[in-house]
Amino acid sequence: MEIGTRALGLAEQTGDPTAAAFERANIAELRLLLEEPDSARALAEQAAAGAEAYDAWCLPYALTTLARVRVFQGEPARATPLLDRAEAVATALGDRQAGHEVRTARAEFALRARRPHQALGVLAGHTDEAPVLVAWAELLSGRPEAALPLARAEVTRARHTGERLAEVEARIALGASLSRLARKPDGTKELVRAEKLAEALPYPAGTRRAARARDLLREPWPPRVTTTPTPRRTPT
């Protein structure tokens, strides 16, 4: 957070509104991870407004961040138009990274709504870019055997590269997968490791997601999911 705040200060000092908008979007994402939605919302709205005013390259990033804030605060209907716009701009700019951000946000929202098949459709051909999301989509589709290798490989990768937030997320998915494969002691161990790492960082969002995973494991199996087909969007 300190690094992000310093980067925003430097961007503001240079008088570059585009850089400032991008840094505000970055800090808004961090505020969400710290479960500070009001601060995240203010920053995300400022980022989107700033990027919009200058038709900046960072507009899709700012819009995607604002969409995540909307969903976190229980306003999913207001998030979809933001993602549609972000995707259109990213496509027009040929920005693959921005496209990835939009794609993962759509998958996250689909998983929140218990539509794992929709998430798998969004992530088709992009498993390597979002292995934990695909693992959760497989798990919520009733296929823990497909989720397990994805989660385990991501734990190994994240641990070796020192990406501790990613490691927390991967361990949660690994713990849930193991538990659903009748390996509850191993699954519980992974969830505890994820929680301890999240608390040590600190990473409140990780702690909350571990708690949600435990709640999920107490639900009847196989999971009940929403299977109503989602209409295909016309490519922009």
C-alpha atoms as a PDB file:
ATOM      1  CA  MET A   1       0.000   0.000   0.000  1.00  0.00           C
ATOM      2  CA  GLU A   2       2.819   2.402   0.877  1.00  0.00           C
ATOM      3  CA  ILE A   3       4.458   1.821  -2.506  1.00  0.00           C
ATOM      4  CA  GLY A   4       1.176   2.432  -4.312  1.00  0.00           C
ATOM      5  CA  THR A   5       0.525   5.639  -2.391  1.00  0.00           C
ATOM      6  CA  ARG A   6       4.039   6.859  -3.172  1.00  0.00           C
ATOM      7  CA  ALA A   7       3.548   6.043  -6.858  1.00  0.00           C
ATOM      8  CA  LEU A   8       0.298   8.013  -6.882  1.00  0.00           C
ATOM      9  CA  GLY A   9       2.027  10.976  -5.256  1.00  0.00           C
ATOM     10  CA  LEU A  10       4.746  10.932  -7.886  1.00  0.00           C
ATOM     11  CA  ALA A  11       2.186  10.675 -10.681  1.00  0.00           C
ATOM     12  CA  GLU A  12       0.317  13.671  -9.298  1.00  0.00           C
ATOM     13  CA  GLN A  13       3.536  15.673  -9.002  1.00  0.00           C
ATOM     14  CA  THR A  14       4.348  15.102 -12.663  1.00  0.00           C
ATOM     15  CA  GLY A  15       0.954  16.491 -13.630  1.00  0.00           C
ATOM     16  CA  ASP A  16       0.152  13.409 -15.714  1.00  0.00           C
ATOM     17  CA  PRO A  17      -3.578  12.735 -15.174  1.00  0.00           C
ATOM     18  CA  THR A  18      -3.395   9.402 -16.998  1.00  0.00           C
ATOM     19  CA  ALA A  19      -0.684   8.047 -14.702  1.00  0.00           C
ATOM     20  CA  ALA A  20      -2.582   9.323 -11.673  1.00  0.00           C
ATOM     21  CA  ALA A  21      -5.773   7.580 -12.816  1.00  0.00           C
ATOM     22  CA  PHE A  22      -3.922   4.300 -13.280  1.00  0.00           C
ATOM     23  CA  GLU A  23      -2.330   4.492  -9.831  1.00  0.00           C
ATOM     24  CA  ARG A  24      -5.678   5.309  -8.230  1.00  0.00           C
ATOM     25  CA  ALA A  25      -7.131   2.177  -9.829  1.00  0.00           C
ATOM     26  CA  ASN A  26      -4.219   0.129  -8.466  1.00  0.00           C
ATOM     27  CA  ILE A  27      -4.693   1.470  -4.957  1.00  0.00           C
ATOM     28  CA  ALA A  28      -8.443   0.858  -5.185  1.00  0.00           C
ATOM     29  CA  GLU A  29      -7.717  -2.825  -5.912  1.00  0.00           C
ATOM     30  CA  LEU A  30      -5.475  -2.953  -2.849  1.00  0.00           C
ATOM     31  CA  ARG A  31      -8.146  -1.328  -0.708  1.00  0.00           C
ATOM     32  CA  LEU A  32     -10.566  -4.029  -1.793  1.00  0.00           C
ATOM     33  CA  LEU A  33      -8.104  -6.738  -0.756  1.00  0.00           C
ATOM     34  CA  LEU A  34      -7.857  -5.015   2.620  1.00  0.00           C
ATOM     35  CA  GLU A  35     -11.668  -4.977   2.755  1.00  0.00           C
ATOM     36  CA  GLU A  36     -11.941  -1.188   2.760  1.00  0.00           C
ATOM     37  CA  PRO A  37     -14.719  -0.851   0.158  1.00  0.00           C
ATOM     38  CA  ASP A  38     -15.605   2.794   0.812  1.00  0.00           C
ATOM     39  CA  SER A  39     -12.030   3.948   0.177  1.00  0.00           C
ATOM     40  CA  ALA A  40     -11.811   1.597  -2.796  1.00  0.00           C
ATOM     41  CA  ARG A  41     -14.987   3.010  -4.275  1.00  0.00           C
ATOM     42  CA  ALA A  42     -13.862   6.630  -3.982  1.00  0.00           C
ATOM     43  CA  LEU A  43     -10.518   5.856  -5.613  1.00  0.00           C
ATOM     44  CA  ALA A  44     -12.048   3.709  -8.359  1.00  0.00           C
ATOM     45  CA  GLU A  45     -14.609   6.389  -9.219  1.00  0.00           C
ATOM     46  CA  GLN A  46     -11.863   9.020  -9.377  1.00  0.00           C
ATOM     47  CA  ALA A  47      -9.741   6.726 -11.548  1.00  0.00           C
ATOM     48  CA  ALA A  48     -12.577   6.033 -13.981  1.00  0.00           C
ATOM     49  CA  ALA A  49     -13.533   9.707 -14.206  1.00  0.00           C
ATOM     50  CA  GLY A  50      -9.925  10.775 -14.754  1.00  0.00           C
ATOM     51  CA  ALA A  51      -9.269   8.161 -17.420  1.00  0.00           C
ATOM     52  CA  GLU A  52     -12.569   8.943 -19.151  1.00  0.00           C
ATOM     53  CA  ALA A  53     -11.833  12.669 -19.297  1.00  0.00           C
ATOM     54  CA  TYR A  54      -8.597  12.099 -21.200  1.00  0.00           C
ATOM     55  CA  ASP A  55      -9.699   9.024 -23.189  1.00  0.00           C
ATOM     56  CA  ALA A  56      -6.693   7.356 -21.552  1.00  0.00           C
ATOM     57  CA  TRP A  57      -5.201   3.947 -22.255  1.00  0.00           C
ATOM     58  CA  CYS A  58      -5.862   2.989 -18.622  1.00  0.00           C
ATOM     59  CA  LEU A  59      -9.644   3.399 -18.930  1.00  0.00           C
ATOM     60  CA  PRO A  60     -10.392  -0.356 -19.165  1.00  0.00           C
ATOM     61  CA  TYR A  61      -8.337  -0.990 -16.020  1.00  0.00           C
ATOM     62  CA  ALA A  62     -10.166   1.734 -14.104  1.00  0.00           C
ATOM     63  CA  LEU A  63     -13.583   0.534 -15.286  1.00  0.00           C
ATOM     64  CA  THR A  64     -12.788  -3.061 -14.331  1.00  0.00           C
ATOM     65  CA  THR A  65     -11.674  -1.987 -10.876  1.00  0.00           C
ATOM     66  CA  LEU A  66     -14.858   0.011 -10.405  1.00  0.00           C
ATOM     67  CA  ALA A  67     -16.882  -3.032 -11.516  1.00  0.00           C
ATOM     68  CA  ARG A  68     -15.172  -5.149  -8.849  1.00  0.00           C
ATOM     69  CA  VAL A  69     -16.046  -2.540  -6.235  1.00  0.00           C
ATOM     70  CA  ARG A  70     -19.679  -2.510  -7.369  1.00  0.00           C
ATOM     71  CA  VAL A  71     -19.931  -6.292  -7.026  1.00  0.00           C
ATOM     72  CA  PHE A  72     -18.241  -6.264  -3.625  1.00  0.00           C
ATOM     73  CA  GLN A  73     -20.823  -3.739  -2.438  1.00  0.00           C
ATOM     74  CA  GLY A  74     -23.721  -5.799  -3.762  1.00  0.00           C
ATOM     75  CA  GLU A  75     -24.384  -3.924  -7.007  1.00  0.00           C
ATOM     76  CA  PRO A  76     -23.702  -6.550  -9.712  1.00  0.00           C
ATOM     77  CA  ALA A  77     -26.205  -5.015 -12.134  1.00  0.00           C
ATOM     78  CA  ARG A  78     -24.111  -1.843 -12.211  1.00  0.00           C
ATOM     79  CA  ALA A  79     -20.921  -3.828 -12.825  1.00  0.00           C
ATOM     80  CA  THR A  80     -21.835  -5.505 -16.113  1.00  0.00           C
ATOM     81  CA  PRO A  81     -22.076  -2.302 -18.211  1.00  0.00           C
ATOM     82  CA  LEU A  82     -18.698  -1.230 -16.858  1.00  0.00           C
ATOM     83  CA  LEU A  83     -17.120  -4.499 -17.960  1.00  0.00           C
ATOM     84  CA  ASP A  84     -18.777  -4.307 -21.354  1.00  0.00           C
ATOM     85  CA  ARG A  85     -17.296  -0.859 -21.867  1.00  0.00           C
ATOM     86  CA  ALA A  86     -13.903  -1.934 -20.544  1.00  0.00           C
ATOM     87  CA  GLU A  87     -13.831  -4.882 -22.930  1.00  0.00           C
ATOM     88  CA  ALA A  88     -14.775  -2.715 -25.898  1.00  0.00           C
ATOM     89  CA  VAL A  89     -12.008  -0.229 -25.120  1.00  0.00           C
ATOM     90  CA  ALA A  90      -9.428  -2.956 -24.474  1.00  0.00           C
ATOM     91  CA  THR A  91     -10.303  -4.588 -27.789  1.00  0.00           C
ATOM     92  CA  ALA A  92     -10.075  -1.293 -29.650  1.00  0.00           C
ATOM     93  CA  LEU A  93      -6.674  -0.599 -28.095  1.00  0.00           C
ATOM     94  CA  GLY A  94      -5.428  -4.145 -28.659  1.00  0.00           C
ATOM     95  CA  ASP A  95      -4.493  -4.291 -24.952  1.00  0.00           C
ATOM     96  CA  ARG A  96      -4.275  -7.991 -24.095  1.00  0.00           C
ATOM     97  CA  GLN A  97      -3.526  -7.367 -20.417  1.00  0.00           C
ATOM     98  CA  ALA A  98      -6.610  -5.207 -20.061  1.00  0.00           C
ATOM     99  CA  GLY A  99      -8.578  -7.935 -21.815  1.00  0.00           C
ATOM    100  CA  HIS A 100      -7.263 -10.411 -19.250  1.00  0.00           C
ATOM    101  CA  GLU A 101      -8.416  -8.167 -16.396  1.00  0.00           C
ATOM    102  CA  VAL A 102     -11.918  -7.971 -17.855  1.00  0.00           C
ATOM    103  CA  ARG A 103     -12.020 -11.709 -18.480  1.00  0.00           C
ATOM    104  CA  THR A 104     -10.985 -12.645 -14.944  1.00  0.00           C
ATOM    105  CA  ALA A 105     -13.457 -10.172 -13.481  1.00  0.00           C
ATOM    106  CA  ARG A 106     -16.279 -11.751 -15.495  1.00  0.00           C
ATOM    107  CA  ALA A 107     -15.215 -15.189 -14.267  1.00  0.00           C
ATOM    108  CA  GLU A 108     -15.073 -13.993 -10.659  1.00  0.00           C
ATOM    109  CA  PHE A 109     -18.580 -12.581 -10.911  1.00  0.00           C
ATOM    110  CA  ALA A 110     -19.897 -15.787 -12.496  1.00  0.00           C
ATOM    111  CA  LEU A 111     -18.431 -17.854  -9.659  1.00  0.00           C
ATOM    112  CA  ARG A 112     -19.976 -15.531  -7.077  1.00  0.00           C
ATOM    113  CA  ALA A 113     -23.350 -16.168  -8.730  1.00  0.00           C
ATOM    114  CA  ARG A 114     -22.710 -19.943  -8.692  1.00  0.00           C
ATOM    115  CA  ARG A 115     -22.499 -20.148 -12.475  1.00  0.00           C
ATOM    116  CA  PRO A 116     -19.313 -22.216 -12.869  1.00  0.00           C
ATOM    117  CA  HIS A 117     -20.132 -23.260 -16.424  1.00  0.00           C
ATOM    118  CA  GLN A 118     -20.322 -19.597 -17.407  1.00  0.00           C
ATOM    119  CA  ALA A 119     -16.940 -18.995 -15.751  1.00  0.00           C
ATOM    120  CA  LEU A 120     -15.427 -21.911 -17.653  1.00  0.00           C
ATOM    121  CA  GLY A 121     -16.792 -20.485 -20.878  1.00  0.00           C
ATOM    122  CA  VAL A 122     -15.273 -17.089 -20.168  1.00  0.00           C
ATOM    123  CA  LEU A 123     -11.901 -18.649 -19.357  1.00  0.00           C
ATOM    124  CA  ALA A 124     -11.857 -21.184 -22.197  1.00  0.00           C
ATOM    125  CA  GLY A 125      -8.376 -21.198 -23.704  1.00  0.00           C
ATOM    126  CA  HIS A 126      -6.969 -19.115 -20.839  1.00  0.00           C
ATOM    127  CA  THR A 127      -6.495 -21.675 -18.077  1.00  0.00           C
ATOM    128  CA  ASP A 128      -2.806 -20.860 -17.669  1.00  0.00           C
ATOM    129  CA  GLU A 129      -3.663 -17.208 -17.033  1.00  0.00           C
ATOM    130  CA  ALA A 130      -6.217 -17.921 -14.283  1.00  0.00           C
ATOM    131  CA  PRO A 131      -5.664 -21.447 -12.904  1.00  0.00           C
ATOM    132  CA  VAL A 132      -7.288 -20.805  -9.526  1.00  0.00           C
ATOM    133  CA  LEU A 133     -10.471 -19.443 -11.088  1.00  0.00           C
ATOM    134  CA  VAL A 134     -10.644 -22.434 -13.414  1.00  0.00           C
ATOM    135  CA  ALA A 135     -10.029 -24.735 -10.439  1.00  0.00           C
ATOM    136  CA  TRP A 136     -12.954 -23.192  -8.581  1.00  0.00           C
ATOM    137  CA  ALA A 137     -15.159 -23.432 -11.655  1.00  0.00           C
ATOM    138  CA  GLU A 138     -14.321 -27.140 -11.951  1.00  0.00           C
ATOM    139  CA  LEU A 139     -14.894 -27.660  -8.247  1.00  0.00           C
ATOM    140  CA  LEU A 140     -18.264 -25.919  -8.281  1.00  0.00           C
ATOM    141  CA  SER A 141     -19.185 -27.977 -11.345  1.00  0.00           C
ATOM    142  CA  GLY A 142     -18.692 -31.120  -9.243  1.00  0.00           C
ATOM    143  CA  ARG A 143     -15.269 -32.069 -10.648  1.00  0.00           C
ATOM    144  CA  PRO A 144     -12.735 -31.783  -7.806  1.00  0.00           C
ATOM    145  CA  GLU A 145     -10.452 -34.242  -9.594  1.00  0.00           C
ATOM    146  CA  ALA A 146     -10.029 -31.647 -12.362  1.00  0.00           C
ATOM    147  CA  ALA A 147      -9.562 -28.800  -9.879  1.00  0.00           C
ATOM    148  CA  LEU A 148      -6.876 -30.525  -7.803  1.00  0.00           C
ATOM    149  CA  PRO A 149      -3.922 -30.494 -10.255  1.00  0.00           C
ATOM    150  CA  LEU A 150      -4.609 -26.889 -11.243  1.00  0.00           C
ATOM    151  CA  ALA A 151      -4.621 -25.706  -7.627  1.00  0.00           C
ATOM    152  CA  ARG A 152      -1.600 -27.783  -6.659  1.00  0.00           C
ATOM    153  CA  ALA A 153       0.491 -26.541  -9.597  1.00  0.00           C
ATOM    154  CA  GLU A 154      -0.400 -22.931  -8.778  1.00  0.00           C
ATOM    155  CA  VAL A 155       0.588 -23.392  -5.124  1.00  0.00           C
ATOM    156  CA  THR A 156       3.995 -24.638  -6.260  1.00  0.00           C
ATOM    157  CA  ARG A 157       4.452 -21.821  -8.769  1.00  0.00           C
ATOM    158  CA  ALA A 158       3.357 -19.065  -6.391  1.00  0.00           C
ATOM    159  CA  ARG A 159       5.522 -20.368  -3.561  1.00  0.00           C
ATOM    160  CA  HIS A 160       8.611 -20.515  -5.780  1.00  0.00           C
ATOM    161  CA  THR A 161       8.068 -16.994  -7.143  1.00  0.00           C
ATOM    162  CA  GLY A 162       7.206 -15.501  -3.762  1.00  0.00           C
ATOM    163  CA  GLU A 163       3.702 -14.420  -4.819  1.00  0.00           C
ATOM    164  CA  ARG A 164       2.120 -14.768  -1.407  1.00  0.00           C
ATOM    165  CA  LEU A 165      -1.353 -13.480  -2.258  1.00  0.00           C
ATOM    166  CA  ALA A 166      -1.545 -15.932  -5.142  1.00  0.00           C
ATOM    167  CA  GLU A 167      -0.316 -18.686  -2.835  1.00  0.00           C
ATOM    168  CA  VAL A 168      -3.129 -17.960  -0.372  1.00  0.00           C
ATOM    169  CA  GLU A 169      -5.739 -18.201  -3.131  1.00  0.00           C
ATOM    170  CA  ALA A 170      -4.240 -21.382  -4.557  1.00  0.00           C
ATOM    171  CA  ARG A 171      -4.020 -23.080  -1.149  1.00  0.00           C
ATOM    172  CA  ILE A 172      -7.675 -22.328  -0.473  1.00  0.00           C
ATOM    173  CA  ALA A 173      -8.647 -23.960  -3.762  1.00  0.00           C
ATOM    174  CA  LEU A 174      -6.299 -26.871  -3.057  1.00  0.00           C
ATOM    175  CA  GLY A 175      -7.748 -27.397   0.413  1.00  0.00           C
ATOM    176  CA  ALA A 176     -11.303 -27.382  -0.903  1.00  0.00           C
ATOM    177  CA  SER A 177     -10.412 -29.805  -3.717  1.00  0.00           C
ATOM    178  CA  LEU A 178      -8.696 -32.254  -1.369  1.00  0.00           C
ATOM    179  CA  SER A 179     -11.627 -32.134   1.032  1.00  0.00           C
ATOM    180  CA  ARG A 180     -14.081 -32.941  -1.757  1.00  0.00           C
ATOM    181  CA  LEU A 181     -11.924 -35.881  -2.806  1.00  0.00           C
ATOM    182  CA  ALA A 182     -12.385 -37.494   0.621  1.00  0.00           C
ATOM    183  CA  ARG A 183      -8.975 -36.274   1.806  1.00  0.00           C
ATOM    184  CA  LYS A 184     -10.354 -34.016   4.494  1.00  0.00           C
ATOM    185  CA  PRO A 185      -7.285 -34.031   6.824  1.00  0.00           C
ATOM    186  CA  ASP A 186      -5.068 -32.902   3.941  1.00  0.00           C
ATOM    187  CA  GLY A 187      -7.670 -30.363   2.856  1.00  0.00           C
ATOM    188  CA  THR A 188      -8.009 -28.939   6.343  1.00  0.00           C
ATOM    189  CA  LYS A 189      -4.231 -28.621   6.589  1.00  0.00           C
ATOM    190  CA  GLU A 190      -4.082 -26.569   3.391  1.00  0.00           C
ATOM    191  CA  LEU A 191      -6.916 -24.298   4.497  1.00  0.00           C
ATOM    192  CA  VAL A 192      -5.196 -23.670   7.827  1.00  0.00           C
ATOM    193  CA  ARG A 193      -1.947 -22.848   6.026  1.00  0.00           C
ATOM    194  CA  ALA A 194      -3.816 -20.441   3.757  1.00  0.00           C
ATOM    195  CA  GLU A 195      -5.479 -18.735   6.720  1.00  0.00           C
ATOM    196  CA  LYS A 196      -2.227 -18.362   8.643  1.00  0.00           C
ATOM    197  CA  LEU A 197      -0.476 -16.888   5.614  1.00  0.00           C
ATOM    198  CA  ALA A 198      -3.388 -14.510   4.985  1.00  0.00           C
ATOM    199  CA  GLU A 199      -3.355 -13.338   8.588  1.00  0.00           C
ATOM    200  CA  ALA A 200       0.411 -12.838   8.573  1.00  0.00           C
ATOM    201  CA  LEU A 201       0.451 -10.661   5.451  1.00  0.00           C
ATOM    202  CA  PRO A 202      -2.232  -9.307   6.392  1.00  0.00           C
ATOM    203  CA  TYR A 203      -4.686 -10.208   3.651  1.00  0.00           C
ATOM    204  CA  PRO A 204      -8.285  -9.880   4.941  1.00  0.00           C
ATOM    205  CA  ALA A 205      -9.803 -10.883   1.597  1.00  0.00           C
ATOM    206  CA  GLY A 206      -7.876 -14.149   1.759  1.00  0.00           C
ATOM    207  CA  THR A 207      -9.114 -14.809   5.278  1.00  0.00           C
ATOM    208  CA  ARG A 208     -12.681 -14.184   4.154  1.00  0.00           C
ATOM    209  CA  ARG A 209     -12.320 -16.455   1.142  1.00  0.00           C
ATOM    210  CA  ALA A 210     -10.962 -19.255   3.314  1.00  0.00           C
ATOM    211  CA  ALA A 211     -14.011 -18.875   5.556  1.00  0.00           C
ATOM    212  CA  ARG A 212     -16.284 -19.011   2.503  1.00  0.00           C
ATOM    213  CA  ALA A 213     -14.512 -22.176   1.362  1.00  0.00           C
ATOM    214  CA  ARG A 214     -15.197 -23.775   4.752  1.00  0.00           C
ATOM    215  CA  ASP A 215     -18.862 -22.792   4.449  1.00  0.00           C
ATOM    216  CA  LEU A 216     -18.967 -24.321   0.978  1.00  0.00           C
ATOM    217  CA  LEU A 217     -17.552 -27.596   2.272  1.00  0.00           C
ATOM    218  CA  ARG A 218     -20.426 -27.827   4.742  1.00  0.00           C
ATOM    219  CA  GLU A 219     -22.970 -27.677   1.936  1.00  0.00           C
ATOM    220  CA  PRO A 220     -24.491 -30.812   0.340  1.00  0.00           C
ATOM    221  CA  TRP A 221     -22.421 -32.429  -2.398  1.00  0.00           C
ATOM    222  CA  PRO A 222     -22.509 -32.320  -5.391  1.00  0.00           C
ATOM    223  CA  PRO A 223     -23.089 -28.563  -5.415  1.00  0.00           C
ATOM    224  CA  ARG A 224     -26.270 -26.950  -6.639  1.00  0.00           C
ATOM    225  CA  VAL A 225     -25.413 -24.398  -9.280  1.00  0.00           C
ATOM    226  CA  THR A 226     -27.243 -22.029 -11.564  1.00  0.00           C
ATOM    227  CA  THR A 227     -27.363 -23.639 -15.003  1.00  0.00           C
ATOM    228  CA  THR A 228     -29.549 -21.173 -16.877  1.00  0.00           C
ATOM    229  CA  PRO A 229     -27.684 -20.405 -20.107  1.00  0.00           C
ATOM    230  CA  THR A 230     -26.338 -16.901 -20.438  1.00  0.00           C
ATOM    231  CA  PRO A 231     -27.046 -15.274 -23.807  1.00  0.00           C
ATOM    232  CA  ARG A 232     -23.939 -14.763 -25.904  1.00  0.00           C
ATOM    233  CA  ARG A 233     -22.856 -11.175 -26.202  1.00  0.00           C
ATOM    234  CA  THR A 234     -22.304  -9.719 -29.636  1.00  0.00           C
ATOM    235  CA  PRO A 235     -18.557  -9.214 -30.126  1.00  0.00           C
ATOM    236  CA  THR A 236     -17.496  -5.581 -30.122  1.00  0.00           C
END
